[in-house]
C-alpha atoms as a PDB file:
ATOM      1  CA  MET A   1      49.997 114.034 104.376  1.00  0.00           C
ATOM      2  CA  GLY A   2      48.726 113.066 107.950  1.00  0.00           C
ATOM      3  CA  ASN A   3      49.187 109.517 107.224  1.00  0.00           C
ATOM      4  CA  ARG A   4      52.682 109.184 105.628  1.00  0.00           C
ATOM      5  CA  TRP A   5      53.397 111.968 108.785  1.00  0.00           C
ATOM      6  CA  LEU A   6      52.113 108.811 110.802  1.00  0.00           C
ATOM      7  CA  MET A   7      54.320 106.291 109.313  1.00  0.00           C
ATOM      8  CA  ASN A   8      57.493 108.152 109.797  1.00  0.00           C
ATOM      9  CA  THR A   9      57.203 109.071 113.214  1.00  0.00           C
ATOM     10  CA  PHE A  10      56.544 105.328 113.601  1.00  0.00           C
ATOM     11  CA  LEU A  11      59.285 104.453 112.394  1.00  0.00           C
ATOM     12  CA  GLY A  12      61.343 107.091 113.731  1.00  0.00           C
ATOM     13  CA  ALA A  13      60.591 106.089 116.946  1.00  0.00           C
ATOM     14  CA  LEU A  14      61.234 102.830 116.034  1.00  0.00           C
ATOM     15  CA  ILE A  15      65.078 102.874 115.031  1.00  0.00           C
ATOM     16  CA  ALA A  16      65.520 105.776 118.295  1.00  0.00           C
ATOM     17  CA  ALA A  17      63.984 103.827 121.327  1.00  0.00           C
ATOM     18  CA  PRO A  18      66.996 101.149 121.527  1.00  0.00           C
ATOM     19  CA  LEU A  19      69.205 103.794 120.721  1.00  0.00           C
ATOM     20  CA  ALA A  20      68.647 106.381 124.212  1.00  0.00           C
ATOM     21  CA  LEU A  21      68.977 103.196 126.441  1.00  0.00           C
ATOM     22  CA  ALA A  22      71.917 101.368 124.862  1.00  0.00           C
ATOM     23  CA  ASP A  23      73.803 102.892 127.384  1.00  0.00           C
ATOM     24  CA  SER A  24      73.058 102.268 130.532  1.00  0.00           C
ATOM     25  CA  THR A  25      72.354  98.871 132.627  1.00  0.00           C
ATOM     26  CA  THR A  26      70.407  98.195 135.678  1.00  0.00           C
ATOM     27  CA  TYR A  27      72.012  94.941 137.876  1.00  0.00           C
ATOM     28  CA  MET A  28      70.773  92.967 140.911  1.00  0.00           C
ATOM     29  CA  VAL A  29      73.032  92.187 143.455  1.00  0.00           C
ATOM     30  CA  ASN A  30      72.934  88.804 144.510  1.00  0.00           C
ATOM     31  CA  PHE A  31      74.354  88.020 148.510  1.00  0.00           C
ATOM     32  CA  THR A  32      76.263  85.079 150.019  1.00  0.00           C
ATOM     33  CA  LEU A  33      75.632  85.045 153.748  1.00  0.00           C
ATOM     34  CA  ASN A  34      79.693  84.154 155.705  1.00  0.00           C
ATOM     35  CA  ASP A  35      78.848  85.883 159.307  1.00  0.00           C
ATOM     36  CA  GLY A  36      75.134  86.779 161.204  1.00  0.00           C
ATOM     37  CA  SER A  37      72.162  85.699 160.126  1.00  0.00           C
ATOM     38  CA  ILE A  38      70.167  88.872 158.253  1.00  0.00           C
ATOM     39  CA  LEU A  39      70.813  88.911 154.566  1.00  0.00           C
ATOM     40  CA  PRO A  40      70.494  91.831 152.143  1.00  0.00           C
ATOM     41  CA  LYS A  41      66.558  91.135 150.792  1.00  0.00           C
ATOM     42  CA  MET A  42      67.515  93.572 147.677  1.00  0.00           C
ATOM     43  CA  GLY A  43      70.081  95.290 146.102  1.00  0.00           C
ATOM     44  CA  THR A  44      69.890  97.342 142.409  1.00  0.00           C
ATOM     45  CA  PHE A  45      71.162 100.006 140.742  1.00  0.00           C
ATOM     46  CA  THR A  46      71.555 100.971 137.185  1.00  0.00           C
ATOM     47  CA  TYR A  47      75.510 102.171 136.310  1.00  0.00           C
ATOM     48  CA  ASP A  48      75.911 104.097 132.298  1.00  0.00           C
ATOM     49  CA  PRO A  49      79.436 102.667 131.464  1.00  0.00           C
ATOM     50  CA  SER A  50      79.850 106.041 128.789  1.00  0.00           C
ATOM     51  CA  LEU A  51      79.012 108.321 130.965  1.00  0.00           C
ATOM     52  CA  GLN A  52      80.753 106.624 133.947  1.00  0.00           C
ATOM     53  CA  SER A  53      77.673 107.350 136.924  1.00  0.00           C
ATOM     54  CA  PHE A  54      75.551 105.457 139.140  1.00  0.00           C
ATOM     55  CA  SER A  55      71.933 105.374 139.424  1.00  0.00           C
ATOM     56  CA  ASP A  56      69.251 104.366 141.521  1.00  0.00           C
ATOM     57  CA  PHE A  57      71.770 102.322 143.792  1.00  0.00           C
ATOM     58  CA  GLU A  58      69.183 100.572 146.242  1.00  0.00           C
ATOM     59  CA  VAL A  59      70.307  97.915 148.676  1.00  0.00           C
ATOM     60  CA  LEU A  60      67.589  96.397 151.500  1.00  0.00           C
ATOM     61  CA  TRP A  61      69.022  94.906 154.697  1.00  0.00           C
ATOM     62  CA  ASN A  62      67.436  94.534 157.987  1.00  0.00           C
ATOM     63  CA  GLY A  63      64.350  96.840 156.869  1.00  0.00           C
ATOM     64  CA  LEU A  64      66.620  99.512 156.051  1.00  0.00           C
ATOM     65  CA  THR A  65      66.660 101.189 152.863  1.00  0.00           C
ATOM     66  CA  PHE A  66      69.912 102.264 152.025  1.00  0.00           C
ATOM     67  CA  ASP A  67      70.784 105.214 149.060  1.00  0.00           C
ATOM     68  CA  LEU A  68      74.535 103.760 148.260  1.00  0.00           C
ATOM     69  CA  THR A  69      74.252 106.003 144.551  1.00  0.00           C
ATOM     70  CA  ASP A  70      76.122 109.009 146.329  1.00  0.00           C
ATOM     71  CA  SER A  71      78.946 107.039 147.252  1.00  0.00           C
ATOM     72  CA  ALA A  72      79.195 104.623 144.560  1.00  0.00           C
ATOM     73  CA  ASN A  73      79.687 107.722 141.871  1.00  0.00           C
ATOM     74  CA  ASN A  74      82.746 108.760 144.485  1.00  0.00           C
ATOM     75  CA  PRO A  75      83.540 106.278 146.594  1.00  0.00           C
ATOM     76  CA  ASN A  76      85.811 106.260 149.992  1.00  0.00           C
ATOM     77  CA  ASP A  77      89.297 105.397 148.186  1.00  0.00           C
ATOM     78  CA  ALA A  78      93.468 104.887 148.000  1.00  0.00           C
ATOM     79  CA  THR A  79      93.114 103.211 144.430  1.00  0.00           C
ATOM     80  CA  PRO A  80      93.400  99.361 145.749  1.00  0.00           C
ATOM     81  CA  PRO A  81      95.713  97.836 142.594  1.00  0.00           C
ATOM     82  CA  CYS A  82      92.169  95.129 141.818  1.00  0.00           C
ATOM     83  CA  VAL A  83      90.443  98.174 139.941  1.00  0.00           C
ATOM     84  CA  GLY A  84      93.960  99.338 138.222  1.00  0.00           C
ATOM     85  CA  ALA A  85      93.575 103.287 137.189  1.00  0.00           C
ATOM     86  CA  LYS A  86      89.695 103.267 137.203  1.00  0.00           C
ATOM     87  CA  THR A  87      89.010 106.085 139.567  1.00  0.00           C
ATOM     88  CA  GLY A  88      85.477 107.660 141.034  1.00  0.00           C
ATOM     89  CA  ALA A  89      82.420 105.557 139.642  1.00  0.00           C
ATOM     90  CA  GLY A  90      84.504 103.775 137.266  1.00  0.00           C
ATOM     91  CA  ALA A  91      86.500 102.180 140.069  1.00  0.00           C
ATOM     92  CA  SER A  92      83.464 101.680 141.982  1.00  0.00           C
ATOM     93  CA  PHE A  93      82.000  98.986 139.222  1.00  0.00           C
ATOM     94  CA  ALA A  94      85.115  97.239 138.679  1.00  0.00           C
ATOM     95  CA  LEU A  95      84.340  96.347 142.824  1.00  0.00           C
ATOM     96  CA  LEU A  96      81.467  94.763 142.318  1.00  0.00           C
ATOM     97  CA  ASP A  97      81.961  93.615 139.408  1.00  0.00           C
ATOM     98  CA  GLY A  98      84.909  91.319 140.600  1.00  0.00           C
ATOM     99  CA  ALA A  99      87.790  93.123 139.999  1.00  0.00           C
ATOM    100  CA  CYS A 100      88.663  93.178 143.920  1.00  0.00           C
ATOM    101  CA  SER A 101      89.214  89.414 145.413  1.00  0.00           C
ATOM    102  CA  GLY A 102      90.514  88.091 148.254  1.00  0.00           C
ATOM    103  CA  PRO A 103      89.503  88.073 152.316  1.00  0.00           C
ATOM    104  CA  HIS A 104      89.075  91.147 152.508  1.00  0.00           C
ATOM    105  CA  THR A 105      86.621  91.721 150.098  1.00  0.00           C
ATOM    106  CA  GLY A 106      82.917  91.787 150.415  1.00  0.00           C
ATOM    107  CA  TRP A 107      79.771  93.497 152.100  1.00  0.00           C
ATOM    108  CA  LEU A 108      79.167  94.482 155.753  1.00  0.00           C
ATOM    109  CA  GLY A 109      75.738  95.762 157.577  1.00  0.00           C
ATOM    110  CA  ALA A 110      75.650  96.954 161.007  1.00  0.00           C
ATOM    111  CA  VAL A 111      73.152  98.767 163.435  1.00  0.00           C
ATOM    112  CA  GLY A 112      74.557  99.959 166.777  1.00  0.00           C
ATOM    113  CA  ASN A 113      74.216 103.383 168.459  1.00  0.00           C
ATOM    114  CA  GLY A 114      71.140 105.058 166.303  1.00  0.00           C
ATOM    115  CA  GLY A 115      72.036 103.977 163.599  1.00  0.00           C
ATOM    116  CA  ALA A 116      73.420 101.814 160.392  1.00  0.00           C
ATOM    117  CA  VAL A 117      75.886 101.120 158.039  1.00  0.00           C
ATOM    118  CA  PHE A 118      75.769  99.289 154.753  1.00  0.00           C
ATOM    119  CA  VAL A 119      79.174  98.951 152.602  1.00  0.00           C
ATOM    120  CA  PHE A 120      80.778  97.197 150.200  1.00  0.00           C
ATOM    121  CA  GLU A 121      84.629  97.118 150.439  1.00  0.00           C
ATOM    122  CA  ALA A 122      87.845  95.637 149.499  1.00  0.00           C
ATOM    123  CA  PHE A 123      90.879  96.322 151.604  1.00  0.00           C
ATOM    124  CA  PRO A 124      93.888  94.441 150.232  1.00  0.00           C
ATOM    125  CA  THR A 125      95.800  96.489 153.106  1.00  0.00           C
ATOM    126  CA  PRO A 126      95.286  98.988 155.224  1.00  0.00           C
ATOM    127  CA  LEU A 127      96.760 101.681 152.704  1.00  0.00           C
ATOM    128  CA  GLU A 128      95.131 100.396 149.321  1.00  0.00           C
ATOM    129  CA  PHE A 129      90.854 100.282 149.805  1.00  0.00           C
ATOM    130  CA  ILE A 130      87.957 101.703 147.793  1.00  0.00           C
ATOM    131  CA  ALA A 131      84.813 101.031 149.716  1.00  0.00           C
ATOM    132  CA  ILE A 132      80.900 102.275 149.031  1.00  0.00           C
ATOM    133  CA  GLU A 133      78.600 102.996 151.442  1.00  0.00           C
ATOM    134  CA  GLY A 134      75.327 103.965 153.032  1.00  0.00           C
ATOM    135  CA  ASN A 135      74.279 105.335 156.436  1.00  0.00           C
ATOM    136  CA  VAL A 136      71.030 105.961 157.981  1.00  0.00           C
ATOM    137  CA  SER A 137      69.732 106.819 161.537  1.00  0.00           C
ATOM    138  CA  THR A 138      67.511 103.446 163.750  1.00  0.00           C
ATOM    139  CA  SER A 139      66.326 102.426 166.561  1.00  0.00           C
ATOM    140  CA  ALA A 140      66.415  99.075 165.579  1.00  0.00           C
ATOM    141  CA  SER A 141      68.461  96.370 168.001  1.00  0.00           C
ATOM    142  CA  ASP A 142      71.868  96.458 167.316  1.00  0.00           C
ATOM    143  CA  THR A 143      73.067  93.006 164.564  1.00  0.00           C
ATOM    144  CA  PHE A 144      76.223  92.389 162.116  1.00  0.00           C
ATOM    145  CA  ALA A 145      76.231  90.309 158.541  1.00  0.00           C
ATOM    146  CA  ASN A 146      78.723  90.198 156.032  1.00  0.00           C
ATOM    147  CA  GLY A 147      78.997  88.001 153.225  1.00  0.00           C
ATOM    148  CA  GLN A 148      80.267  87.760 149.569  1.00  0.00           C
ATOM    149  CA  TRP A 149      77.991  89.504 146.126  1.00  0.00           C
ATOM    150  CA  THR A 150      77.759  89.098 142.745  1.00  0.00           C
ATOM    151  CA  ILE A 151      76.096  91.256 140.088  1.00  0.00           C
ATOM    152  CA  ALA A 152      73.880  90.570 136.918  1.00  0.00           C
ATOM    153  CA  PRO A 153      71.690  92.212 134.333  1.00  0.00           C
ATOM    154  CA  VAL A 154      68.313  92.016 134.130  1.00  0.00           C
ATOM    155  CA  SER A 155      66.472  91.634 131.424  1.00  0.00           C
ATOM    156  CA  GLU A 156      65.330  94.972 130.470  1.00  0.00           C
ATOM    157  CA  PRO A 157      62.059  94.470 128.299  1.00  0.00           C
ATOM    158  CA  SER A 158      62.741  95.346 124.973  1.00  0.00           C
ATOM    159  CA  ALA A 159      62.825  99.099 123.632  1.00  0.00           C
ATOM    160  CA  PHE A 160      60.054  98.118 120.872  1.00  0.00           C
ATOM    161  CA  VAL A 161      57.227  96.727 123.483  1.00  0.00           C
ATOM    162  CA  PRO A 162      56.079 101.176 124.399  1.00  0.00           C
ATOM    163  CA  LEU A 163      55.526 101.018 120.508  1.00  0.00           C
ATOM    164  CA  ILE A 164      53.635  97.869 119.980  1.00  0.00           C
ATOM    165  CA  PRO A 165      50.134  99.834 120.787  1.00  0.00           C
ATOM    166  CA  LEU A 166      50.984 102.283 118.087  1.00  0.00           C
ATOM    167  CA  ALA A 167      51.774  99.379 115.298  1.00  0.00           C
ATOM    168  CA  PRO A 168      47.772  98.769 114.751  1.00  0.00           C
ATOM    169  CA  LEU A 169      47.621 102.874 114.178  1.00  0.00           C
ATOM    170  CA  ALA A 170      50.263 102.376 111.543  1.00  0.00           C
ATOM    171  CA  LEU A 171      48.980  99.471 110.020  1.00  0.00           C
ATOM    172  CA  VAL A 172      45.823 101.235 109.406  1.00  0.00           C
ATOM    173  CA  ALA A 173      47.610 103.904 107.640  1.00  0.00           C
ATOM    174  CA  GLN A 174      49.415 102.066 105.526  1.00  0.00           C
ATOM    175  CA  ARG A 175      45.646  99.733 104.228  1.00  0.00           C
ATOM    176  CA  ARG A 176      43.910 103.744 104.365  1.00  0.00           C
ATOM    177  CA  ARG A 177      46.570 105.031 101.500  1.00  0.00           C
ATOM    178  CA  LYS A 178      46.556 101.389  99.631  1.00  0.00           C
ATOM    179  CA  LEU A 179      42.995 101.626  99.673  1.00  0.00           C
ATOM    180  CA  ARG A 180      42.926 105.401  97.950  1.00  0.00           C
ATOM    181  CA  CYS A 181      45.825 104.569  95.817  1.00  0.00           C
ATOM    182  CA  THR A 182      43.449 102.049  93.939  1.00  0.00           C
ATOM    183  CA  PHE A 183      40.715 104.356  92.797  1.00  0.00           C
END
């Protein structure tokens, strides 16, 4: 019974592992610089389209880490036409994925008066806008930069990788079972 249980557990985990990770995707943000001299060093987030939810959304700019998770899930917006009927995190993902374009779409980082802000934004008109923003306190020198971005999914290791150490155990169990059956 022990070997059969081990084999069934291994096969169940093998089948269930990819299903548990199926909906959320981690993305890397790639930045270009239009003005200023400091390009963000890193930007990543995880988005689950089935839940329309962001997690772990961080940008590292000017030595400061901005957590944009809450703002991405609840952006400042007046529903610009570029995001269609999407709201909340769905509208934020549409913005990040390139639904909005034009001269008033981009990222912005600024430091001044003891604080810093980092924003992804689009505002086709003053009354139609969407912004994902984060603020931190800092004593860093005043600076400003802006530019464009694209996003790309991060290739994740297979969901089966954590199960690799179990494979020899399953093979040993199977072999023992076969050996018992031959006597």
